[in-house]
Protein backbone atom coordinates (compact mmCIF):
# COMPACT_ATOMS: atom_id res chain seq x y z
CA MET A 1 117.38 62.78 109.86
CA ARG A 2 118.17 64.41 106.64
CA GLN A 3 119.58 67.96 106.97
CA GLY A 4 120.51 70.74 104.62
CA THR A 5 118.74 73.36 102.53
CA ALA A 6 116.22 72.84 99.72
CA ILE A 7 115.68 75.51 97.18
CA ILE A 8 112.10 75.35 95.76
CA ILE A 9 111.28 77.36 92.64
CA GLY A 10 107.65 78.25 92.64
CA ALA A 11 104.92 78.74 95.35
CA GLY A 12 102.17 76.78 93.89
CA PRO A 13 100.74 73.49 95.18
CA ALA A 14 103.71 71.43 94.20
CA GLY A 15 106.28 73.81 95.68
CA LEU A 16 104.43 74.47 98.86
CA THR A 17 103.61 70.82 99.35
CA ALA A 18 107.36 69.98 98.97
CA ALA A 19 108.25 72.62 101.59
CA ILE A 20 105.92 71.59 104.24
CA GLU A 21 106.57 67.86 103.67
CA LEU A 22 110.31 68.53 104.10
CA GLN A 23 109.53 70.13 107.50
CA ARG A 24 107.44 67.35 108.53
CA HIS A 25 109.76 64.50 107.53
CA SER A 26 113.26 65.92 107.77
CA ALA A 27 115.47 68.70 109.15
CA ILE A 28 115.98 70.08 105.63
CA LYS A 29 115.13 73.88 105.60
CA PRO A 30 113.01 74.85 102.59
CA ILE A 31 113.55 78.24 100.85
CA VAL A 32 110.77 78.97 98.35
CA ILE A 33 111.34 81.32 95.50
CA GLU A 34 108.24 82.75 93.62
CA ALA A 35 108.54 84.90 90.62
CA SER A 36 105.09 86.60 91.05
CA HIS A 37 103.87 88.38 94.16
CA GLU A 38 101.03 85.82 94.77
CA ILE A 39 100.87 82.50 96.51
CA GLY A 40 99.19 79.50 94.95
CA GLY A 41 100.29 79.56 91.26
CA ILE A 42 97.22 78.82 89.15
CA SER A 43 95.51 77.54 92.29
CA ARG A 44 95.58 81.06 93.81
CA THR A 45 92.46 83.10 94.38
CA ILE A 46 92.00 86.57 93.02
CA VAL A 47 90.38 89.11 95.21
CA TYR A 48 88.54 92.01 93.45
CA LYS A 49 86.36 94.46 95.42
CA GLY A 50 85.24 91.79 97.83
CA ASN A 51 84.71 89.12 95.20
CA ARG A 52 86.88 86.21 94.66
CA MET A 53 87.91 84.41 91.48
CA ASP A 54 89.10 80.82 91.15
CA ILE A 55 91.51 80.57 88.27
CA GLY A 56 90.36 77.54 86.31
CA GLY A 57 88.15 76.09 89.05
CA HIS A 58 89.60 73.61 91.55
CA ARG A 59 87.57 70.72 92.84
CA PHE A 60 89.20 69.29 95.95
CA PHE A 61 88.67 65.70 95.24
CA SER A 62 91.32 62.95 94.70
CA LYS A 63 91.51 59.18 94.36
CA SER A 64 94.46 59.47 96.72
CA ASP A 65 93.52 58.87 100.32
CA ARG A 66 96.83 60.68 101.17
CA VAL A 67 95.96 63.89 99.38
CA MET A 68 92.36 63.85 100.76
CA ARG A 69 93.60 63.37 104.29
CA TRP A 70 96.33 66.12 103.79
CA TRP A 71 93.61 68.56 102.70
CA MET A 72 91.30 67.75 105.55
CA GLU A 73 94.13 68.04 108.13
CA MET A 74 95.02 71.50 106.83
CA MET A 75 91.51 72.67 106.76
CA PRO A 76 88.80 70.90 108.86
CA VAL A 77 85.72 69.80 107.18
CA GLU A 78 82.53 71.83 107.91
CA ALA A 79 80.32 70.47 110.80
CA ALA A 80 77.29 69.61 108.68
CA ALA A 81 79.53 67.26 106.40
CA SER A 82 80.45 64.55 108.87
CA GLN A 83 78.47 62.19 111.10
CA ASN A 84 80.16 60.85 114.08
CA GLY A 85 83.61 61.76 112.90
CA TYR A 86 83.23 60.01 109.47
CA LEU A 87 82.89 61.18 105.87
CA ARG A 88 82.22 59.18 102.76
CA TYR A 89 84.24 59.48 99.59
CA GLN A 90 85.36 57.07 96.92
CA GLY A 91 82.36 55.01 98.09
CA LYS A 92 84.06 54.17 101.53
CA GLN A 93 83.59 55.50 104.94
CA ARG A 94 86.75 57.34 106.02
CA GLU A 95 87.64 58.94 109.36
CA VAL A 96 87.78 62.70 109.40
CA PRO A 97 90.99 63.97 110.94
CA GLU A 98 90.45 65.15 114.50
CA ALA A 99 89.91 68.84 114.99
CA ALA A 100 89.29 70.80 118.20
CA SER A 101 85.77 71.24 116.97
CA ALA A 102 83.96 70.94 113.64
CA PRO A 103 83.85 74.41 112.17
CA ASP A 104 80.75 76.33 111.18
CA PRO A 105 81.37 78.29 107.95
CA GLU A 106 79.07 81.10 109.16
CA LYS A 107 81.43 81.62 112.16
CA ASP A 108 84.82 80.04 111.15
CA ASP A 109 86.99 80.93 108.17
CA LEU A 110 89.41 77.98 108.17
CA VAL A 111 86.93 75.41 106.82
CA MET A 112 86.42 73.03 104.00
CA LEU A 113 82.94 73.04 102.52
CA ILE A 114 81.19 70.11 100.94
CA ARG A 115 79.95 71.34 97.62
CA PRO A 116 77.61 69.67 95.07
CA ARG A 117 79.19 69.26 91.67
CA LYS A 118 77.24 70.26 88.52
CA SER A 119 78.77 70.75 85.17
CA ARG A 120 76.98 71.03 81.85
CA ILE A 121 77.71 71.58 78.23
CA TYR A 122 76.09 74.49 76.54
CA PHE A 123 75.46 73.51 72.93
CA LEU A 124 72.64 74.68 70.44
CA ARG A 125 71.82 77.21 73.04
CA ARG A 126 70.76 74.42 75.33
CA PHE A 127 72.24 72.70 78.38
CA PHE A 128 73.46 69.14 78.27
CA ASP A 129 74.71 67.19 81.14
CA TYR A 130 78.49 66.84 81.52
CA PRO A 131 79.70 64.14 81.42
CA ILE A 132 77.13 63.00 78.93
CA SER A 133 74.14 61.30 80.62
CA LEU A 134 71.68 59.00 78.83
CA THR A 135 68.41 60.59 79.82
CA ALA A 136 65.23 61.36 77.86
CA ASP A 137 66.12 64.98 78.11
CA THR A 138 69.51 64.57 76.46
CA LEU A 139 67.97 62.49 73.68
CA ARG A 140 65.22 64.98 73.11
CA LYS A 141 67.60 67.90 72.90
CA LEU A 142 69.87 66.04 70.47
CA GLY A 143 66.97 65.05 68.26
CA LEU A 144 66.26 61.70 66.66
CA ALA A 145 68.74 62.15 63.78
CA ARG A 146 71.73 63.06 65.95
CA THR A 147 70.91 60.33 68.55
CA PHE A 148 70.62 57.62 65.73
CA LYS A 149 74.00 58.87 64.21
CA ALA A 150 75.62 58.83 67.72
CA GLY A 151 74.48 55.24 68.40
CA VAL A 152 75.60 53.88 64.99
CA SER A 153 78.98 55.53 65.25
CA TYR A 154 79.60 54.45 68.81
CA VAL A 155 78.82 50.78 67.77
CA LYS A 156 81.19 51.15 64.84
CA SER A 157 83.97 52.41 67.18
CA ALA A 158 83.27 49.73 69.61
CA VAL A 159 83.48 46.94 66.94
CA LEU A 160 86.27 48.53 64.84
CA PRO A 161 88.31 50.73 67.15
CA GLN A 162 91.54 52.50 66.13
CA ARG A 163 94.07 49.82 67.31
CA GLU A 164 96.79 52.41 67.83
CA GLU A 165 95.77 55.62 69.55
CA LYS A 166 98.18 58.11 68.44
CA THR A 167 96.11 61.31 68.65
CA LEU A 168 93.53 62.73 71.00
CA GLU A 169 90.98 62.35 68.18
CA ASP A 170 91.69 58.62 68.08
CA PHE A 171 91.32 58.46 71.90
CA LEU A 172 88.01 60.16 72.07
CA ILE A 173 86.44 58.47 68.97
CA ASN A 174 87.32 55.01 70.39
CA ARG A 175 85.41 55.84 73.65
CA PHE A 176 82.48 57.87 72.25
CA GLY A 177 82.16 57.23 68.62
CA ARG A 178 82.78 59.97 65.95
CA GLN A 179 79.45 61.58 66.22
CA LEU A 180 79.56 62.26 69.89
CA TYR A 181 83.18 63.33 69.64
CA LEU A 182 82.23 65.85 66.98
CA THR A 183 79.22 67.08 68.99
CA PHE A 184 80.57 67.31 72.51
CA PHE A 185 84.36 67.31 72.44
CA LYS A 186 86.02 68.61 69.23
CA SER A 187 85.00 72.30 69.47
CA TYR A 188 85.81 72.84 73.18
CA THR A 189 89.05 70.86 73.02
CA GLU A 190 90.29 72.80 70.05
CA LYS A 191 89.41 76.05 71.80
CA VAL A 192 91.66 74.94 74.59
CA TRP A 193 94.58 74.00 72.59
CA GLY A 194 94.25 76.09 69.38
CA VAL A 195 95.21 73.12 67.16
CA PRO A 196 93.07 70.27 65.74
CA CYS A 197 92.59 67.22 68.00
CA ASN A 198 94.35 65.01 65.43
CA GLN A 199 97.64 66.97 66.22
CA ILE A 200 97.39 66.45 70.02
CA SER A 201 98.95 63.41 71.61
CA ALA A 202 96.52 60.74 72.98
CA GLU A 203 98.47 61.03 76.14
CA TRP A 204 96.49 64.12 77.06
CA GLY A 205 93.35 61.95 77.16
CA ALA A 206 95.05 59.28 78.97
CA GLN A 207 95.99 61.76 81.85
CA ARG A 208 92.90 63.92 81.93
CA ILE A 209 89.96 61.62 81.21
CA LYS A 210 91.39 58.15 81.56
CA GLY A 211 88.70 55.59 82.16
CA LEU A 212 85.89 57.79 81.07
CA SER A 213 83.87 56.48 78.15
CA LEU A 214 80.33 56.08 76.98
CA THR A 215 80.39 52.66 78.61
CA GLY A 216 81.42 54.28 81.80
CA VAL A 217 78.69 56.90 81.55
CA VAL A 218 76.09 53.99 81.21
CA LYS A 219 77.48 52.21 84.17
CA HIS A 220 77.50 55.34 86.27
CA PHE A 221 73.93 56.18 85.25
CA LEU A 222 72.80 52.64 86.26
CA THR A 223 74.70 52.76 89.56
CA LYS A 224 73.29 56.18 90.36
CA THR A 225 69.78 55.02 89.65
CA PHE A 226 69.69 51.68 91.43
CA ARG A 227 72.33 52.01 94.14
CA ARG A 228 72.69 55.71 95.23
CA ASN A 229 75.10 56.41 97.89
CA ARG A 230 73.32 59.27 99.57
CA ASP A 231 76.19 60.80 101.66
CA GLY A 232 79.13 59.81 99.49
CA LEU A 233 81.44 62.19 97.64
CA ALA A 234 81.84 59.47 94.85
CA GLN A 235 80.81 55.93 94.12
CA THR A 236 83.46 53.21 94.33
CA LYS A 237 85.82 53.46 91.45
CA THR A 238 83.95 56.26 89.78
CA GLU A 239 85.92 58.34 87.44
CA THR A 240 86.96 61.76 88.75
CA SER A 241 84.84 63.41 86.09
CA LEU A 242 81.77 61.66 87.45
CA ILE A 243 81.98 62.68 91.08
CA GLU A 244 78.94 64.43 92.56
CA LYS A 245 80.36 66.31 95.53
CA PHE A 246 83.81 67.78 96.42
CA LEU A 247 85.64 69.60 99.14
CA TYR A 248 86.29 73.33 98.78
CA PRO A 249 87.95 76.05 100.93
CA LYS A 250 85.57 78.64 102.16
CA PHE A 251 87.33 81.44 100.32
CA GLY A 252 88.66 79.52 97.36
CA PRO A 253 91.86 77.31 96.77
CA GLY A 254 94.24 80.28 97.36
CA GLN A 255 93.07 80.29 101.02
CA LEU A 256 94.52 76.81 101.52
CA TRP A 257 97.85 77.62 99.94
CA GLU A 258 98.23 81.00 101.78
CA TYR A 259 97.53 79.10 105.03
CA THR A 260 100.14 76.55 104.04
CA ALA A 261 102.69 79.23 103.18
CA GLY A 262 102.10 80.71 106.74
CA LEU A 263 102.82 77.34 108.25
CA VAL A 264 106.04 77.06 106.25
CA ARG A 265 107.19 80.39 107.56
CA GLN A 266 106.16 79.67 111.18
CA GLN A 267 108.27 76.51 111.14
CA GLY A 268 111.36 78.28 109.93
CA GLY A 269 111.11 78.13 106.17
CA GLU A 270 111.61 81.13 103.91
CA ILE A 271 109.38 82.32 101.05
CA HIS A 272 110.76 84.95 98.73
CA MET A 273 108.38 86.78 96.48
CA GLY A 274 109.02 88.70 93.17
CA ILE A 275 112.32 86.90 92.19
CA ALA A 276 112.42 85.47 88.71
CA ILE A 277 114.94 82.72 88.56
CA ASP A 278 116.98 82.85 85.26
CA ARG A 279 120.18 81.09 86.14
CA ILE A 280 120.76 77.51 87.29
CA HIS A 281 124.37 76.85 88.32
CA VAL A 282 125.57 73.22 88.03
CA ASP A 283 128.77 71.36 88.77
CA GLY A 284 128.90 68.00 87.09
CA ASP A 285 125.78 65.99 88.04
CA LYS A 286 124.61 68.40 90.70
CA VAL A 287 122.92 71.73 90.87
CA THR A 288 124.70 74.06 93.26
CA ALA A 289 122.73 77.33 93.23
CA VAL A 290 120.05 79.43 91.55
CA GLU A 291 120.23 82.97 90.61
CA GLY A 292 117.55 85.66 89.80
CA VAL A 293 116.55 89.27 89.90
CA ASN A 294 114.66 90.58 92.88
CA LYS A 295 111.99 93.31 92.81
CA GLY A 296 114.73 95.94 93.46
CA GLY A 297 116.52 94.89 90.25
CA GLU A 298 119.41 93.28 92.20
CA ARG A 299 120.75 89.76 91.36
CA VAL A 300 120.52 87.34 94.18
CA THR A 301 121.81 83.86 94.48
CA PHE A 302 120.45 80.96 96.65
CA ALA A 303 122.80 77.99 97.24
CA GLY A 304 121.43 74.70 98.51
CA ASP A 305 121.69 70.95 98.87
CA TYR A 306 118.38 70.00 97.06
CA PHE A 307 116.49 71.73 94.28
CA PHE A 308 112.88 71.52 93.27
CA SER A 309 111.64 73.10 90.14
CA THR A 310 108.10 73.92 89.20
CA MET A 311 109.07 76.52 86.70
CA PRO A 312 108.31 75.84 82.96
CA VAL A 313 110.80 73.24 81.64
CA ARG A 314 111.69 75.52 78.74
CA ASP A 315 112.65 78.31 81.03
CA LEU A 316 114.59 75.88 83.20
CA ILE A 317 116.66 74.58 80.23
CA ARG A 318 117.47 78.09 79.17
CA ALA A 319 118.63 78.96 82.65
CA ILE A 320 121.17 76.07 82.98
CA SER A 321 124.71 77.47 83.04
CA SER A 322 126.55 74.58 81.59
CA PRO A 323 126.78 73.83 77.82
CA LEU A 324 123.78 71.75 76.70
CA PRO A 325 123.55 68.97 74.21
CA LYS A 326 122.10 70.33 70.91
CA GLU A 327 119.17 67.84 70.91
CA VAL A 328 118.15 68.96 74.46
CA THR A 329 118.01 72.56 73.34
CA GLU A 330 116.07 71.74 70.24
CA VAL A 331 113.39 69.67 72.07
CA SER A 332 113.24 72.39 74.78
CA GLU A 333 112.66 75.24 72.40
CA GLY A 334 109.98 73.22 70.64
CA LEU A 335 107.91 72.80 73.89
CA MET A 336 104.69 74.76 73.64
CA TYR A 337 102.27 76.23 76.08
CA ARG A 338 98.77 77.60 76.09
CA ASP A 339 97.92 80.73 77.90
CA PHE A 340 94.73 81.68 79.66
CA ILE A 341 92.56 84.70 80.25
CA THR A 342 89.69 84.82 82.81
CA VAL A 343 87.08 87.66 82.70
CA GLY A 344 85.05 88.04 85.93
CA LEU A 345 81.74 89.65 85.39
CA LEU A 346 79.44 90.87 88.23
CA ALA A 347 75.89 90.84 87.05
CA LYS A 348 72.51 91.59 88.49
CA LYS A 349 71.22 88.40 87.00
CA LEU A 350 71.77 85.94 84.06
CA THR A 351 69.08 85.37 81.39
CA VAL A 352 69.44 81.63 81.64
CA SER A 353 68.14 79.68 84.62
CA GLU A 354 67.17 76.16 85.81
CA ASP A 355 63.96 74.67 84.45
CA ASP A 356 62.20 75.71 87.53
CA GLY A 357 63.26 79.41 87.24
CA THR A 358 65.93 79.27 90.07
CA PRO A 359 69.53 80.46 89.33
CA LEU A 360 71.94 78.12 87.63
CA LYS A 361 73.44 75.47 89.96
CA ASP A 362 76.45 74.78 87.81
CA ASN A 363 80.07 75.18 89.01
CA TRP A 364 81.23 75.50 85.43
CA ILE A 365 79.72 75.18 81.94
CA TYR A 366 81.61 74.01 78.91
CA ILE A 367 80.74 76.29 75.95
CA GLN A 368 80.58 74.07 72.95
CA GLU A 369 79.15 76.77 70.74
CA PRO A 370 81.50 77.18 67.67
CA ASP A 371 80.53 80.77 66.94
CA VAL A 372 82.12 82.22 70.09
CA MET A 373 85.65 81.98 71.48
CA VAL A 374 84.80 81.63 75.13
CA GLY A 375 85.54 78.09 76.28
CA ARG A 376 84.17 77.71 79.70
CA LEU A 377 82.05 79.62 82.24
CA GLN A 378 82.26 79.47 85.91
CA VAL A 379 79.49 80.54 88.32
CA PHE A 380 81.61 81.46 91.41
CA ASN A 381 78.48 81.61 93.69
CA ASN A 382 78.15 77.87 93.30
CA TRP A 383 81.79 77.09 94.14
CA SER A 384 81.26 78.85 97.43
CA PRO A 385 78.67 81.45 98.42
CA TYR A 386 81.62 83.25 100.28
CA LEU A 387 83.34 84.08 97.10
CA VAL A 388 80.65 86.68 96.30
CA GLY A 389 80.64 90.04 98.07
CA SER A 390 76.80 90.36 97.60
CA LYS A 391 74.58 87.28 97.64
CA GLU A 392 72.21 89.36 95.49
CA LYS A 393 74.65 89.42 92.62
CA THR A 394 75.84 86.72 90.23
CA TRP A 395 79.69 86.51 89.83
CA ILE A 396 80.84 84.56 86.78
CA GLY A 397 84.13 83.89 85.14
CA LEU A 398 84.57 83.65 81.38
CA GLU A 399 87.62 81.53 80.35
CA TYR A 400 89.52 82.14 77.11
CA PHE A 401 92.49 79.97 75.92
CA CYS A 402 95.03 81.61 73.61
CA ASN A 403 98.65 82.24 72.98
CA ASP A 404 100.50 85.30 74.30
CA THR A 405 101.14 86.27 70.68
CA ASP A 406 97.50 86.37 69.80
CA PRO A 407 95.51 89.66 69.31
CA LEU A 408 93.21 88.48 72.13
CA TRP A 409 95.97 88.53 74.70
CA LYS A 410 96.97 92.05 73.75
CA LEU A 411 93.59 93.64 74.29
CA SER A 412 93.27 96.12 77.13
CA ASP A 413 91.11 94.94 80.09
CA GLU A 414 88.25 97.28 78.99
CA GLU A 415 88.41 95.81 75.35
CA MET A 416 88.65 92.29 76.61
CA ALA A 417 85.64 92.74 79.03
CA LYS A 418 83.58 94.36 76.18
CA PHE A 419 84.41 91.44 73.88
CA ALA A 420 83.51 88.88 76.53
CA ILE A 421 80.25 90.56 77.43
CA GLY A 422 79.28 90.60 73.72
CA GLU A 423 80.01 86.92 73.38
CA VAL A 424 77.98 85.65 76.32
CA ALA A 425 75.15 88.14 75.27
CA LYS A 426 75.26 86.56 71.79
CA ILE A 427 74.67 83.05 73.04
CA GLY A 428 71.97 84.24 75.51
CA ILE A 429 73.70 83.94 78.82
CA LEU A 430 73.13 87.53 80.06
CA LYS A 431 72.11 90.99 78.91
CA PRO A 432 75.05 93.59 78.63
CA GLU A 433 72.99 96.12 80.68
CA ASP A 434 72.93 93.70 83.63
CA VAL A 435 76.67 93.74 83.97
CA GLU A 436 77.81 96.02 86.84
CA ASP A 437 81.56 95.44 86.92
CA PHE A 438 84.37 93.27 85.52
CA HIS A 439 87.95 92.10 86.28
CA VAL A 440 90.44 90.60 83.79
CA VAL A 441 93.22 88.12 84.74
CA HIS A 442 95.95 86.96 82.40
CA VAL A 443 97.75 83.68 83.28
CA PRO A 444 100.77 82.80 81.09
CA LYS A 445 101.75 79.20 80.46
CA THR A 446 98.75 77.58 82.09
CA TYR A 447 98.63 74.56 80.07
CA PRO A 448 101.78 72.58 78.99
CA ALA A 449 100.93 71.45 75.45
CA TYR A 450 100.96 67.83 74.14
CA PHE A 451 102.24 68.83 70.61
CA GLY A 452 105.13 70.70 69.26
CA SER A 453 108.23 68.65 70.29
CA TYR A 454 106.46 66.91 73.15
CA ASP A 455 106.84 63.58 71.40
CA ARG A 456 110.50 63.88 72.10
CA PHE A 457 110.29 64.98 75.73
CA ASP A 458 112.15 61.85 76.91
CA VAL A 459 115.25 63.59 75.68
CA ILE A 460 114.83 66.38 78.24
CA ARG A 461 113.77 64.02 80.90
CA GLY A 462 116.93 61.85 80.47
CA TYR A 463 119.12 64.96 80.56
CA LEU A 464 117.54 66.56 83.64
CA ASP A 465 117.19 63.30 85.62
CA ARG A 466 120.96 62.93 85.73
CA PHE A 467 121.22 65.86 88.11
CA GLU A 468 120.73 63.77 91.31
CA ASN A 469 119.73 66.64 93.62
CA LEU A 470 117.23 68.29 91.09
CA PHE A 471 113.61 67.24 91.25
CA LEU A 472 111.04 68.34 88.71
CA VAL A 473 107.45 68.54 90.18
CA GLY A 474 104.07 69.99 89.43
CA ARG A 475 102.47 70.79 86.18
CA ASN A 476 104.83 73.17 84.39
CA GLY A 477 107.77 71.65 86.27
CA MET A 478 107.18 68.31 84.53
CA HIS A 479 105.51 69.70 81.37
CA LYS A 480 102.64 67.38 82.34
CA TYR A 481 99.02 68.31 82.50
CA ASN A 482 98.65 67.38 86.27
CA ASN A 483 95.69 68.18 88.37
CA GLN A 484 96.33 69.90 91.76
CA ASP A 485 96.41 66.50 93.59
CA HIS A 486 98.75 65.02 91.09
CA SER A 487 101.11 67.96 91.50
CA MET A 488 101.01 67.48 95.25
CA LEU A 489 101.81 63.84 94.89
CA THR A 490 104.85 64.53 92.72
CA ALA A 491 106.24 66.82 95.43
CA MET A 492 105.36 64.18 98.26
CA THR A 493 107.07 61.40 96.25
CA ALA A 494 110.18 63.64 95.62
CA VAL A 495 110.49 64.37 99.34
CA GLU A 496 110.08 60.71 100.17
CA ASN A 497 112.89 59.84 97.74
CA ILE A 498 115.19 62.39 99.62
CA VAL A 499 114.28 61.09 102.97
CA ASN A 500 114.77 57.42 102.01
CA ASP A 501 117.85 58.10 99.80
CA VAL A 502 116.02 56.71 96.72
CA LYS A 503 117.97 57.77 93.63
CA THR A 504 115.45 56.84 90.87
CA LYS A 505 112.89 59.51 89.79
CA ASP A 506 110.79 57.06 87.90
CA ASN A 507 108.23 56.97 90.74
CA ILE A 508 107.78 60.80 90.44
CA TRP A 509 107.23 60.61 86.64
CA ALA A 510 104.69 57.66 87.15
CA VAL A 511 102.29 59.90 89.19
CA ASN A 512 99.18 60.49 86.96
CA THR A 513 100.53 57.86 84.60
CA GLU A 514 99.75 54.69 86.56
CA MET A 515 97.52 56.21 89.18
CA GLU A 516 95.07 53.22 89.29
CA TYR A 517 98.00 50.95 89.91
CA HIS A 518 99.30 53.07 92.79
CA GLU A 519 96.04 53.40 94.38
CA GLU A 520 95.21 49.76 94.34
CA LYS A 521 98.71 48.50 95.32
CA SER A 522 99.90 51.06 97.69
CA GLY A 523 96.66 52.23 99.24
CA LYS A 524 98.03 55.85 99.13
């Protein structure tokens, strides 16, 4: 059995998955080093006066059976969700991992809930289904003229598609037509990235919404109408964006990762908080140690046999002690990131509701309105009722995408909250006088960007892959817009490589690039 010490930079999903997988499959001791004072990375849960905020919203759903089982083994599924020990997801009946007893969320805290998924687009001060659904309601809200233009432009794209999809604009137009792209994708996407869609690599679409198209929406609509799978989390081969139910920890995603961190410690691993790594010591083709500053201002060094990095690639390159090839430095410094602000608002009520007058059922709402900066709105009550201190209140999160050099990033919390309240009041979501409290969270480097020098990223990959005991995993660690499950799979694959003495790292980089192939061929 493999022995030694693994130094893991970052206590997010990828880092903690690597740590516990090493403990399960080897005798390698994990030492996790986290720059912040919080567990979970962007999958952490913020607690404010008894209310909990999910940063970005994390649906626990994956096409990977391995990840689904991993989650359910960590946190048993609520009693009401399974029948005779089985649960349906991906259109198949799967065995629920055995637990001492199926937990009741009203009595037990360590429990996965089964939550209904509902997302919509807010456009023209109206709600549209997301993903786009072909219903009479959608067509009525769009109007005859827009519907006609959408149909014509889709047919045009289907008959004469862009043969080479270089940009995200090309990718989306090929799948939805120009009119639907302009109506439902362009504004929100450009809010997220801060640059036009024709300057973003098509690879972003391939990773985030691969397989989803107007044709896919039609197929899903027909399947849902004529062959509903009543107790399923998703239909067979349904795209992730189309799933109708998902798993969710009772107290948010951070609960799972805090529990995982506790297990790592119980099994002899170490987790050090508040240490920012700024020096990577190398000797030839191996990393020998990492160095950083602890909360007391002292420099500390961690030597090891294996090294996992989830820190931003640009910061990793800057920290390497040996002289770097000029081209590597140039590409690294050209990598770009998008930062993120969430404004939590506790309100007596919202001014918008479902058609029957009941509170909104959405998990999140994409704000497509071009006259406000807010990009997305979460209703935390609908992720889990246990995220809200008072069930009589509505607890929402307003999401803003920006750069840390923007004026928005530099606003005080009070100024940011006032700005956010004004925006959602402007588009008719709530009345300012109904807001009782707020909480503002800044999250730097949330989104690795698919522009800047990204088109030359292979230069960096080629340089870093030569360090045989260094493994890049996770979203920022690979400068790859991975979901939580993809980040976990990169860590699992890296651990497997170590245990099985696999030298290539191609299989790590292939995660979320050839996912359909891996699922169908490996069954994992």
